[in-house]
Amino acid sequence: MNTVIRRIGNSEGVILPKELLQSLNLKAGDQLIVTEQKGDIVLKKAGDDFEEQMAAAREIMDRYKVALQKLAE
């Protein structure tokens, strides 16, 4: 399956075929994690665990805000 990088406004993007999206149960608005592995682009659907991890990170950053600011100086 081939696709082309296209200009979308001021950005560039890739259009994924409808058949691929359906087979992977993806839809508009779903979040993907983009990584590079050995020169290849890898797309992975961001799961609920990602949101949970981000919430935990925000909580820790809020709790230790002063200490983190001091470390950053």
N, C-alpha and C. Protein backbone atom coordinates (compact mmCIF):
# COMPACT_ATOMS: atom_id res chain seq x y z
N MET A 1 0.85 -1.17 0.00
CA MET A 1 0.00 0.00 0.00
C MET A 1 0.90 1.24 0.00
N ASN A 2 0.75 2.10 -0.97
CA ASN A 2 1.55 3.31 -1.08
C ASN A 2 0.68 4.53 -0.82
N THR A 3 1.30 5.57 -0.29
CA THR A 3 0.63 6.85 -0.10
C THR A 3 1.67 7.94 -0.32
N VAL A 4 1.23 9.18 -0.40
CA VAL A 4 2.10 10.30 -0.72
C VAL A 4 1.99 11.34 0.39
N ILE A 5 3.11 11.98 0.73
CA ILE A 5 3.07 13.11 1.66
C ILE A 5 2.49 14.29 0.92
N ARG A 6 1.46 14.91 1.49
CA ARG A 6 0.74 16.02 0.83
C ARG A 6 0.76 17.26 1.71
N ARG A 7 0.68 18.39 1.08
CA ARG A 7 0.59 19.65 1.82
C ARG A 7 -0.84 19.79 2.33
N ILE A 8 -0.96 20.08 3.63
CA ILE A 8 -2.26 20.29 4.26
C ILE A 8 -2.15 21.60 5.03
N GLY A 9 -2.63 22.69 4.43
CA GLY A 9 -2.45 24.01 5.05
C GLY A 9 -0.98 24.35 5.07
N ASN A 10 -0.48 24.75 6.26
CA ASN A 10 0.94 25.05 6.42
C ASN A 10 1.76 23.83 6.80
N SER A 11 1.12 22.68 6.90
CA SER A 11 1.79 21.45 7.31
C SER A 11 1.84 20.47 6.15
N GLU A 12 2.36 19.32 6.45
CA GLU A 12 2.35 18.23 5.48
C GLU A 12 1.85 16.99 6.20
N GLY A 13 1.18 16.11 5.49
CA GLY A 13 0.62 14.94 6.13
C GLY A 13 0.43 13.80 5.15
N VAL A 14 -0.01 12.71 5.71
CA VAL A 14 -0.25 11.50 4.93
C VAL A 14 -1.72 11.13 5.07
N ILE A 15 -2.36 10.83 3.96
CA ILE A 15 -3.74 10.38 3.96
C ILE A 15 -3.71 8.85 4.02
N LEU A 16 -4.37 8.28 5.03
CA LEU A 16 -4.43 6.83 5.16
C LEU A 16 -5.69 6.31 4.48
N PRO A 17 -5.56 5.27 3.69
CA PRO A 17 -6.73 4.74 2.97
C PRO A 17 -7.83 4.28 3.92
N LYS A 18 -9.06 4.47 3.49
CA LYS A 18 -10.24 4.10 4.28
C LYS A 18 -10.20 2.64 4.70
N GLU A 19 -9.79 1.76 3.79
CA GLU A 19 -9.75 0.33 4.08
C GLU A 19 -8.80 0.01 5.22
N LEU A 20 -7.65 0.70 5.25
CA LEU A 20 -6.67 0.49 6.32
C LEU A 20 -7.25 0.96 7.65
N LEU A 21 -7.86 2.14 7.65
CA LEU A 21 -8.45 2.67 8.88
C LEU A 21 -9.52 1.73 9.41
N GLN A 22 -10.36 1.22 8.52
CA GLN A 22 -11.42 0.30 8.95
C GLN A 22 -10.84 -0.99 9.52
N SER A 23 -9.82 -1.54 8.87
CA SER A 23 -9.26 -2.80 9.34
C SER A 23 -8.56 -2.65 10.68
N LEU A 24 -8.07 -1.45 10.99
CA LEU A 24 -7.41 -1.20 12.27
C LEU A 24 -8.33 -0.55 13.30
N ASN A 25 -9.59 -0.38 12.92
CA ASN A 25 -10.59 0.23 13.81
C ASN A 25 -10.16 1.63 14.25
N LEU A 26 -9.68 2.42 13.30
CA LEU A 26 -9.28 3.80 13.56
C LEU A 26 -10.28 4.75 12.92
N LYS A 27 -10.39 5.94 13.51
CA LYS A 27 -11.29 6.95 12.96
C LYS A 27 -10.72 8.34 13.20
N ALA A 28 -11.30 9.33 12.56
CA ALA A 28 -10.87 10.71 12.74
C ALA A 28 -10.93 11.07 14.22
N GLY A 29 -9.87 11.70 14.70
CA GLY A 29 -9.82 12.10 16.11
C GLY A 29 -9.02 11.15 16.99
N ASP A 30 -8.79 9.92 16.52
CA ASP A 30 -7.96 8.99 17.28
C ASP A 30 -6.54 9.51 17.33
N GLN A 31 -5.86 9.30 18.45
CA GLN A 31 -4.48 9.74 18.59
C GLN A 31 -3.53 8.61 18.25
N LEU A 32 -2.45 8.97 17.55
CA LEU A 32 -1.43 8.00 17.18
C LEU A 32 -0.09 8.42 17.77
N ILE A 33 0.71 7.45 18.14
CA ILE A 33 2.08 7.70 18.57
C ILE A 33 2.96 7.42 17.36
N VAL A 34 3.82 8.39 17.02
CA VAL A 34 4.69 8.26 15.86
C VAL A 34 6.12 8.07 16.36
N THR A 35 6.77 6.98 15.92
CA THR A 35 8.15 6.74 16.29
C THR A 35 8.95 6.38 15.05
N GLU A 36 10.25 6.45 15.20
CA GLU A 36 11.17 6.06 14.12
C GLU A 36 11.97 4.88 14.63
N GLN A 37 12.00 3.82 13.84
CA GLN A 37 12.76 2.63 14.21
C GLN A 37 13.58 2.16 13.02
N LYS A 38 14.88 2.29 13.15
CA LYS A 38 15.80 1.83 12.09
C LYS A 38 15.44 2.42 10.73
N GLY A 39 15.11 3.71 10.73
CA GLY A 39 14.81 4.39 9.48
C GLY A 39 13.38 4.25 8.99
N ASP A 40 12.55 3.52 9.71
CA ASP A 40 11.14 3.36 9.33
C ASP A 40 10.26 4.20 10.24
N ILE A 41 9.14 4.64 9.72
CA ILE A 41 8.14 5.36 10.50
C ILE A 41 7.14 4.34 11.03
N VAL A 42 6.88 4.39 12.33
CA VAL A 42 5.95 3.45 12.95
C VAL A 42 4.82 4.25 13.59
N LEU A 43 3.58 3.92 13.23
CA LEU A 43 2.40 4.55 13.82
C LEU A 43 1.74 3.54 14.74
N LYS A 44 1.39 3.98 15.95
CA LYS A 44 0.74 3.10 16.91
C LYS A 44 -0.39 3.87 17.58
N LYS A 45 -1.54 3.25 17.69
CA LYS A 45 -2.67 3.91 18.32
C LYS A 45 -2.34 4.15 19.79
N ALA A 46 -2.55 5.38 20.23
CA ALA A 46 -2.33 5.72 21.63
C ALA A 46 -3.47 5.14 22.44
N GLY A 47 -3.14 4.33 23.42
CA GLY A 47 -4.16 3.69 24.24
C GLY A 47 -4.53 4.52 25.45
N ASP A 48 -5.46 4.01 26.22
CA ASP A 48 -5.88 4.69 27.44
C ASP A 48 -4.74 4.80 28.43
N ASP A 49 -3.78 3.85 28.39
CA ASP A 49 -2.66 3.90 29.31
C ASP A 49 -1.84 5.17 29.11
N PHE A 50 -1.78 5.68 27.88
CA PHE A 50 -1.06 6.92 27.60
C PHE A 50 -1.70 8.07 28.37
N GLU A 51 -3.01 8.17 28.31
CA GLU A 51 -3.71 9.23 29.02
C GLU A 51 -3.53 9.09 30.53
N GLU A 52 -3.56 7.87 31.03
CA GLU A 52 -3.35 7.64 32.45
C GLU A 52 -1.94 8.05 32.87
N GLN A 53 -0.96 7.73 32.05
CA GLN A 53 0.42 8.10 32.34
C GLN A 53 0.59 9.62 32.33
N MET A 54 -0.05 10.28 31.39
CA MET A 54 0.04 11.74 31.35
C MET A 54 -0.61 12.38 32.56
N ALA A 55 -1.74 11.84 32.99
CA ALA A 55 -2.42 12.36 34.18
C ALA A 55 -1.54 12.17 35.41
N ALA A 56 -0.89 11.02 35.53
CA ALA A 56 0.01 10.77 36.66
C ALA A 56 1.20 11.72 36.62
N ALA A 57 1.75 11.96 35.43
CA ALA A 57 2.89 12.87 35.30
C ALA A 57 2.49 14.29 35.70
N ARG A 58 1.29 14.73 35.28
CA ARG A 58 0.83 16.08 35.65
C ARG A 58 0.65 16.20 37.16
N GLU A 59 0.12 15.16 37.78
CA GLU A 59 -0.08 15.18 39.22
C GLU A 59 1.26 15.30 39.95
N ILE A 60 2.25 14.55 39.52
CA ILE A 60 3.57 14.61 40.14
C ILE A 60 4.21 15.97 39.92
N MET A 61 4.07 16.50 38.71
CA MET A 61 4.64 17.82 38.43
C MET A 61 3.99 18.90 39.28
N ASP A 62 2.67 18.80 39.48
CA ASP A 62 1.97 19.75 40.35
C ASP A 62 2.43 19.61 41.79
N ARG A 63 2.57 18.38 42.26
CA ARG A 63 2.95 18.12 43.65
C ARG A 63 4.36 18.62 43.95
N TYR A 64 5.28 18.45 43.00
CA TYR A 64 6.68 18.81 43.22
C TYR A 64 7.11 20.00 42.38
N LYS A 65 6.17 20.90 42.13
CA LYS A 65 6.42 22.06 41.27
C LYS A 65 7.61 22.88 41.73
N VAL A 66 7.67 23.20 43.01
CA VAL A 66 8.76 24.03 43.54
C VAL A 66 10.10 23.33 43.39
N ALA A 67 10.15 22.05 43.75
CA ALA A 67 11.40 21.30 43.64
C ALA A 67 11.86 21.20 42.18
N LEU A 68 10.93 20.98 41.27
CA LEU A 68 11.29 20.90 39.85
C LEU A 68 11.80 22.23 39.32
N GLN A 69 11.19 23.34 39.80
CA GLN A 69 11.65 24.66 39.39
C GLN A 69 13.07 24.91 39.89
N LYS A 70 13.36 24.51 41.13
CA LYS A 70 14.70 24.68 41.69
C LYS A 70 15.72 23.86 40.90
N LEU A 71 15.36 22.63 40.56
CA LEU A 71 16.26 21.78 39.77
C LEU A 71 16.53 22.37 38.40
N ALA A 72 15.56 23.07 37.85
CA ALA A 72 15.70 23.63 36.52
C ALA A 72 16.62 24.86 36.50
N GLU A 73 16.84 25.46 37.66
CA GLU A 73 17.67 26.69 37.73
C GLU A 73 19.12 26.41 37.55
